[in-house]
Amino acid sequence: MNWLQTTRAAAHAAVAAAITFSRIHSSEFGLNMLTLFGALYLAASLGTHFLDKRNKVMSARLGLPVIAPVITGIAAVFAIGAGWNQQASLRWLVAIFAAGFALTELWLSRKLGTKTVDGRDALISAILGFALLGLFAGFDMGRVPFIGFLGAFHAILAVHLGIAAATPKPKK
């Protein structure tokens, strides 16, 4: 069992479930989901450090992917509190999150090598991040579809990471 992918899949699944089963799809709700995801992703990485002693806190796989979700989660809190235009804030904060997430996963994929299982998993996550970036940066379709696509992104990544976590490592 890969604890890092398991805990991150749980973070994605929690946000996907919250979006799926909520009746409210306002921009403020979307910003709250960004904040929730940043907090859960940080907790998943820290929890992994305590569950799996082989990874160090500052390892690239453990620390770098946390940066984009945490920063956009903090910015989402400021967007709600400062009274910024919530629909524009949601759109561009998700685009920034997706860009940071995708670039980090792409970097990890290249660092780990695409011939490894972890490298291919990171590449798939990067491609999904770039797809989310394309949707949010390229189209202005209203808040309800934005929230729906955000939920779909988290649901797809939850399934992908859950399968990756449960798949046994190939023997060398």
C-alpha atoms as a PDB file:
ATOM      1  CA  MET A   1       0.000   0.000   0.000  1.00  0.00           C
ATOM      2  CA  ASN A   2       1.338   3.392  -0.968  1.00  0.00           C
ATOM      3  CA  TRP A   3       0.347   5.646   1.940  1.00  0.00           C
ATOM      4  CA  LEU A   4       1.132   8.887   0.125  1.00  0.00           C
ATOM      5  CA  GLN A   5      -1.228   8.120  -2.744  1.00  0.00           C
ATOM      6  CA  THR A   6      -3.822   6.677  -0.356  1.00  0.00           C
ATOM      7  CA  THR A   7      -4.030   9.778   1.805  1.00  0.00           C
ATOM      8  CA  ARG A   8      -4.025  12.099  -1.201  1.00  0.00           C
ATOM      9  CA  ALA A   9      -6.760  10.038  -2.849  1.00  0.00           C
ATOM     10  CA  ALA A  10      -8.773  10.448   0.352  1.00  0.00           C
ATOM     11  CA  ALA A  11      -8.310  14.246   0.200  1.00  0.00           C
ATOM     12  CA  HIS A  12      -9.514  14.326  -3.415  1.00  0.00           C
ATOM     13  CA  ALA A  13     -12.427  11.997  -2.590  1.00  0.00           C
ATOM     14  CA  ALA A  14     -13.572  14.136   0.351  1.00  0.00           C
ATOM     15  CA  VAL A  15     -13.738  17.283  -1.780  1.00  0.00           C
ATOM     16  CA  ALA A  16     -15.405  15.408  -4.655  1.00  0.00           C
ATOM     17  CA  ALA A  17     -18.036  14.034  -2.269  1.00  0.00           C
ATOM     18  CA  ALA A  18     -18.646  17.452  -0.703  1.00  0.00           C
ATOM     19  CA  ILE A  19     -19.189  19.004  -4.137  1.00  0.00           C
ATOM     20  CA  THR A  20     -21.278  16.114  -5.447  1.00  0.00           C
ATOM     21  CA  PHE A  21     -23.681  15.968  -2.522  1.00  0.00           C
ATOM     22  CA  SER A  22     -24.066  19.700  -1.976  1.00  0.00           C
ATOM     23  CA  ARG A  23     -27.105  21.531  -3.269  1.00  0.00           C
ATOM     24  CA  ILE A  24     -25.237  24.820  -3.258  1.00  0.00           C
ATOM     25  CA  HIS A  25     -22.903  25.534  -6.158  1.00  0.00           C
ATOM     26  CA  SER A  26     -22.083  29.157  -5.476  1.00  0.00           C
ATOM     27  CA  SER A  27     -18.717  30.771  -6.042  1.00  0.00           C
ATOM     28  CA  GLU A  28     -18.223  31.077  -2.289  1.00  0.00           C
ATOM     29  CA  PHE A  29     -18.804  27.326  -1.979  1.00  0.00           C
ATOM     30  CA  GLY A  30     -16.150  26.736  -4.652  1.00  0.00           C
ATOM     31  CA  LEU A  31     -13.690  28.939  -2.782  1.00  0.00           C
ATOM     32  CA  ASN A  32     -14.469  27.007   0.400  1.00  0.00           C
ATOM     33  CA  MET A  33     -13.737  23.766  -1.456  1.00  0.00           C
ATOM     34  CA  LEU A  34     -10.353  25.152  -2.528  1.00  0.00           C
ATOM     35  CA  THR A  35      -9.625  25.936   1.110  1.00  0.00           C
ATOM     36  CA  LEU A  36     -10.810  22.500   2.232  1.00  0.00           C
ATOM     37  CA  PHE A  37      -8.680  20.774  -0.362  1.00  0.00           C
ATOM     38  CA  GLY A  38      -5.574  22.754   0.619  1.00  0.00           C
ATOM     39  CA  ALA A  39      -6.062  21.798   4.258  1.00  0.00           C
ATOM     40  CA  LEU A  40      -6.768  18.132   3.487  1.00  0.00           C
ATOM     41  CA  TYR A  41      -3.829  17.843   1.090  1.00  0.00           C
ATOM     42  CA  LEU A  42      -1.502  19.324   3.697  1.00  0.00           C
ATOM     43  CA  ALA A  43      -2.893  16.951   6.328  1.00  0.00           C
ATOM     44  CA  ALA A  44      -2.467  14.024   3.913  1.00  0.00           C
ATOM     45  CA  SER A  45       1.187  14.836   3.348  1.00  0.00           C
ATOM     46  CA  LEU A  46       1.907  15.324   7.034  1.00  0.00           C
ATOM     47  CA  GLY A  47      -0.053  12.188   7.890  1.00  0.00           C
ATOM     48  CA  THR A  48       1.963  10.223   5.368  1.00  0.00           C
ATOM     49  CA  HIS A  49       5.148  11.303   7.072  1.00  0.00           C
ATOM     50  CA  PHE A  50       3.914   9.717  10.296  1.00  0.00           C
ATOM     51  CA  LEU A  51       2.436   6.599   8.643  1.00  0.00           C
ATOM     52  CA  ASP A  52       5.378   5.762   6.404  1.00  0.00           C
ATOM     53  CA  LYS A  53       8.733   6.420   8.033  1.00  0.00           C
ATOM     54  CA  ARG A  54      10.658   5.773   4.788  1.00  0.00           C
ATOM     55  CA  ASN A  55       9.687   9.193   3.357  1.00  0.00           C
ATOM     56  CA  LYS A  56      11.250  12.298   4.804  1.00  0.00           C
ATOM     57  CA  VAL A  57       9.256  15.511   5.307  1.00  0.00           C
ATOM     58  CA  MET A  58      11.343  17.393   2.755  1.00  0.00           C
ATOM     59  CA  SER A  59      11.322  14.716   0.051  1.00  0.00           C
ATOM     60  CA  ALA A  60      10.129  16.034  -3.304  1.00  0.00           C
ATOM     61  CA  ARG A  61       7.162  13.660  -3.522  1.00  0.00           C
ATOM     62  CA  LEU A  62       5.983  14.614  -0.067  1.00  0.00           C
ATOM     63  CA  GLY A  63       6.535  18.356   0.066  1.00  0.00           C
ATOM     64  CA  LEU A  64       6.395  20.012  -3.346  1.00  0.00           C
ATOM     65  CA  PRO A  65       2.882  18.969  -4.463  1.00  0.00           C
ATOM     66  CA  VAL A  66       1.463  20.608  -1.322  1.00  0.00           C
ATOM     67  CA  ILE A  67       2.561  24.123  -2.294  1.00  0.00           C
ATOM     68  CA  ALA A  68      -0.090  24.947  -4.941  1.00  0.00           C
ATOM     69  CA  PRO A  69      -3.125  23.628  -2.988  1.00  0.00           C
ATOM     70  CA  VAL A  70      -2.092  25.341   0.248  1.00  0.00           C
ATOM     71  CA  ILE A  71      -1.317  28.712  -1.374  1.00  0.00           C
ATOM     72  CA  THR A  72      -4.564  28.759  -3.361  1.00  0.00           C
ATOM     73  CA  GLY A  73      -6.485  27.640  -0.268  1.00  0.00           C
ATOM     74  CA  ILE A  74      -5.078  30.566   1.697  1.00  0.00           C
ATOM     75  CA  ALA A  75      -5.827  32.933  -1.204  1.00  0.00           C
ATOM     76  CA  ALA A  76      -9.402  31.596  -1.302  1.00  0.00           C
ATOM     77  CA  VAL A  77      -9.833  32.501   2.371  1.00  0.00           C
ATOM     78  CA  PHE A  78      -8.611  36.027   1.593  1.00  0.00           C
ATOM     79  CA  ALA A  79     -10.950  36.242  -1.432  1.00  0.00           C
ATOM     80  CA  ILE A  80     -13.947  35.400   0.752  1.00  0.00           C
ATOM     81  CA  GLY A  81     -12.914  37.684   3.612  1.00  0.00           C
ATOM     82  CA  ALA A  82     -11.894  40.663   1.494  1.00  0.00           C
ATOM     83  CA  GLY A  83     -15.090  40.682  -0.539  1.00  0.00           C
ATOM     84  CA  TRP A  84     -13.412  40.188  -3.904  1.00  0.00           C
ATOM     85  CA  ASN A  85     -15.487  39.231  -6.943  1.00  0.00           C
ATOM     86  CA  GLN A  86     -16.037  35.616  -5.984  1.00  0.00           C
ATOM     87  CA  GLN A  87     -16.754  34.223  -9.439  1.00  0.00           C
ATOM     88  CA  ALA A  88     -13.602  35.767 -10.928  1.00  0.00           C
ATOM     89  CA  SER A  89     -11.616  34.758  -7.844  1.00  0.00           C
ATOM     90  CA  LEU A  90     -12.838  31.173  -8.124  1.00  0.00           C
ATOM     91  CA  ARG A  91     -12.025  30.969 -11.815  1.00  0.00           C
ATOM     92  CA  TRP A  92      -8.493  32.328 -11.552  1.00  0.00           C
ATOM     93  CA  LEU A  93      -7.580  30.672  -8.252  1.00  0.00           C
ATOM     94  CA  VAL A  94      -8.577  27.282  -9.659  1.00  0.00           C
ATOM     95  CA  ALA A  95      -6.570  28.073 -12.804  1.00  0.00           C
ATOM     96  CA  ILE A  96      -3.544  28.977 -10.654  1.00  0.00           C
ATOM     97  CA  PHE A  97      -4.069  25.835  -8.572  1.00  0.00           C
ATOM     98  CA  ALA A  98      -4.326  23.677 -11.696  1.00  0.00           C
ATOM     99  CA  ALA A  99      -1.190  25.219 -13.221  1.00  0.00           C
ATOM    100  CA  GLY A 100       0.826  24.740 -10.036  1.00  0.00           C
ATOM    101  CA  PHE A 101      -0.510  21.225  -9.523  1.00  0.00           C
ATOM    102  CA  ALA A 102       0.140  20.189 -13.131  1.00  0.00           C
ATOM    103  CA  LEU A 103       3.628  21.682 -13.285  1.00  0.00           C
ATOM    104  CA  THR A 104       4.610  20.045 -10.004  1.00  0.00           C
ATOM    105  CA  GLU A 105       3.313  16.658 -11.118  1.00  0.00           C
ATOM    106  CA  LEU A 106       5.032  17.035 -14.497  1.00  0.00           C
ATOM    107  CA  TRP A 107       8.298  17.882 -12.736  1.00  0.00           C
ATOM    108  CA  LEU A 108       7.884  14.833 -10.479  1.00  0.00           C
ATOM    109  CA  SER A 109       7.155  12.669 -13.500  1.00  0.00           C
ATOM    110  CA  ARG A 110      10.385  13.773 -15.157  1.00  0.00           C
ATOM    111  CA  LYS A 111      12.351  13.394 -11.903  1.00  0.00           C
ATOM    112  CA  LEU A 112      11.049   9.888 -11.218  1.00  0.00           C
ATOM    113  CA  GLY A 113      11.174   8.877 -14.888  1.00  0.00           C
ATOM    114  CA  THR A 114       8.239   7.817 -17.013  1.00  0.00           C
ATOM    115  CA  LYS A 115       9.539   4.264 -17.051  1.00  0.00           C
ATOM    116  CA  THR A 116       8.622   3.941 -13.366  1.00  0.00           C
ATOM    117  CA  VAL A 117       5.092   3.379 -12.100  1.00  0.00           C
ATOM    118  CA  ASP A 118       5.216   6.465  -9.872  1.00  0.00           C
ATOM    119  CA  GLY A 119       6.480   8.566 -12.769  1.00  0.00           C
ATOM    120  CA  ARG A 120       3.609   7.478 -15.009  1.00  0.00           C
ATOM    121  CA  ASP A 121       1.099   8.133 -12.218  1.00  0.00           C
ATOM    122  CA  ALA A 122       2.503  11.649 -11.796  1.00  0.00           C
ATOM    123  CA  LEU A 123       2.274  12.183 -15.567  1.00  0.00           C
ATOM    124  CA  ILE A 124      -1.401  11.186 -15.576  1.00  0.00           C
ATOM    125  CA  SER A 125      -2.060  13.580 -12.695  1.00  0.00           C
ATOM    126  CA  ALA A 126      -0.235  16.340 -14.598  1.00  0.00           C
ATOM    127  CA  ILE A 127      -2.335  15.775 -17.711  1.00  0.00           C
ATOM    128  CA  LEU A 128      -5.525  15.990 -15.641  1.00  0.00           C
ATOM    129  CA  GLY A 129      -4.233  19.195 -14.036  1.00  0.00           C
ATOM    130  CA  PHE A 130      -3.531  20.727 -17.449  1.00  0.00           C
ATOM    131  CA  ALA A 131      -7.058  19.760 -18.574  1.00  0.00           C
ATOM    132  CA  LEU A 132      -8.524  21.574 -15.561  1.00  0.00           C
ATOM    133  CA  LEU A 133      -6.297  24.567 -16.301  1.00  0.00           C
ATOM    134  CA  GLY A 134      -7.549  24.644 -19.889  1.00  0.00           C
ATOM    135  CA  LEU A 135     -11.179  24.599 -18.759  1.00  0.00           C
ATOM    136  CA  PHE A 136     -10.852  27.325 -16.153  1.00  0.00           C
ATOM    137  CA  ALA A 137      -8.434  29.618 -17.992  1.00  0.00           C
ATOM    138  CA  GLY A 138      -9.899  29.122 -21.453  1.00  0.00           C
ATOM    139  CA  PHE A 139     -13.664  29.243 -20.960  1.00  0.00           C
ATOM    140  CA  ASP A 140     -16.055  31.451 -19.046  1.00  0.00           C
ATOM    141  CA  MET A 141     -19.068  29.239 -18.530  1.00  0.00           C
ATOM    142  CA  GLY A 142     -20.591  30.300 -15.205  1.00  0.00           C
ATOM    143  CA  ARG A 143     -20.196  29.151 -11.647  1.00  0.00           C
ATOM    144  CA  VAL A 144     -22.295  25.955 -11.694  1.00  0.00           C
ATOM    145  CA  PRO A 145     -20.313  24.260 -14.498  1.00  0.00           C
ATOM    146  CA  PHE A 146     -17.076  25.454 -12.883  1.00  0.00           C
ATOM    147  CA  ILE A 147     -18.003  23.809  -9.593  1.00  0.00           C
ATOM    148  CA  GLY A 148     -19.088  20.672 -11.449  1.00  0.00           C
ATOM    149  CA  PHE A 149     -15.804  20.423 -13.325  1.00  0.00           C
ATOM    150  CA  LEU A 150     -13.876  21.019 -10.112  1.00  0.00           C
ATOM    151  CA  GLY A 151     -15.777  18.149  -8.487  1.00  0.00           C
ATOM    152  CA  ALA A 152     -15.203  15.908 -11.511  1.00  0.00           C
ATOM    153  CA  PHE A 153     -11.468  16.681 -11.437  1.00  0.00           C
ATOM    154  CA  HIS A 154     -11.253  15.665  -7.782  1.00  0.00           C
ATOM    155  CA  ALA A 155     -13.359  12.535  -8.354  1.00  0.00           C
ATOM    156  CA  ILE A 156     -11.211  11.380 -11.285  1.00  0.00           C
ATOM    157  CA  LEU A 157      -7.996  11.989  -9.359  1.00  0.00           C
ATOM    158  CA  ALA A 158      -9.396  10.203  -6.301  1.00  0.00           C
ATOM    159  CA  VAL A 159     -10.096   7.111  -8.397  1.00  0.00           C
ATOM    160  CA  HIS A 160      -6.747   7.334 -10.207  1.00  0.00           C
ATOM    161  CA  LEU A 161      -4.725   7.725  -7.020  1.00  0.00           C
ATOM    162  CA  GLY A 162      -6.791   5.098  -5.211  1.00  0.00           C
ATOM    163  CA  ILE A 163      -6.089   2.539  -7.925  1.00  0.00           C
ATOM    164  CA  ALA A 164      -2.421   3.567  -8.023  1.00  0.00           C
ATOM    165  CA  ALA A 165      -2.159   3.202  -4.247  1.00  0.00           C
ATOM    166  CA  ALA A 166      -3.692  -0.262  -4.220  1.00  0.00           C
ATOM    167  CA  THR A 167      -1.722  -1.606  -7.176  1.00  0.00           C
ATOM    168  CA  PRO A 168       1.195  -3.756  -6.058  1.00  0.00           C
ATOM    169  CA  LYS A 169       4.637  -2.535  -7.062  1.00  0.00           C
ATOM    170  CA  PRO A 170       6.346  -4.579  -9.788  1.00  0.00           C
ATOM    171  CA  LYS A 171       9.142  -6.824  -8.569  1.00  0.00           C
ATOM    172  CA  LYS A 172      12.599  -5.816  -9.670  1.00  0.00           C
END
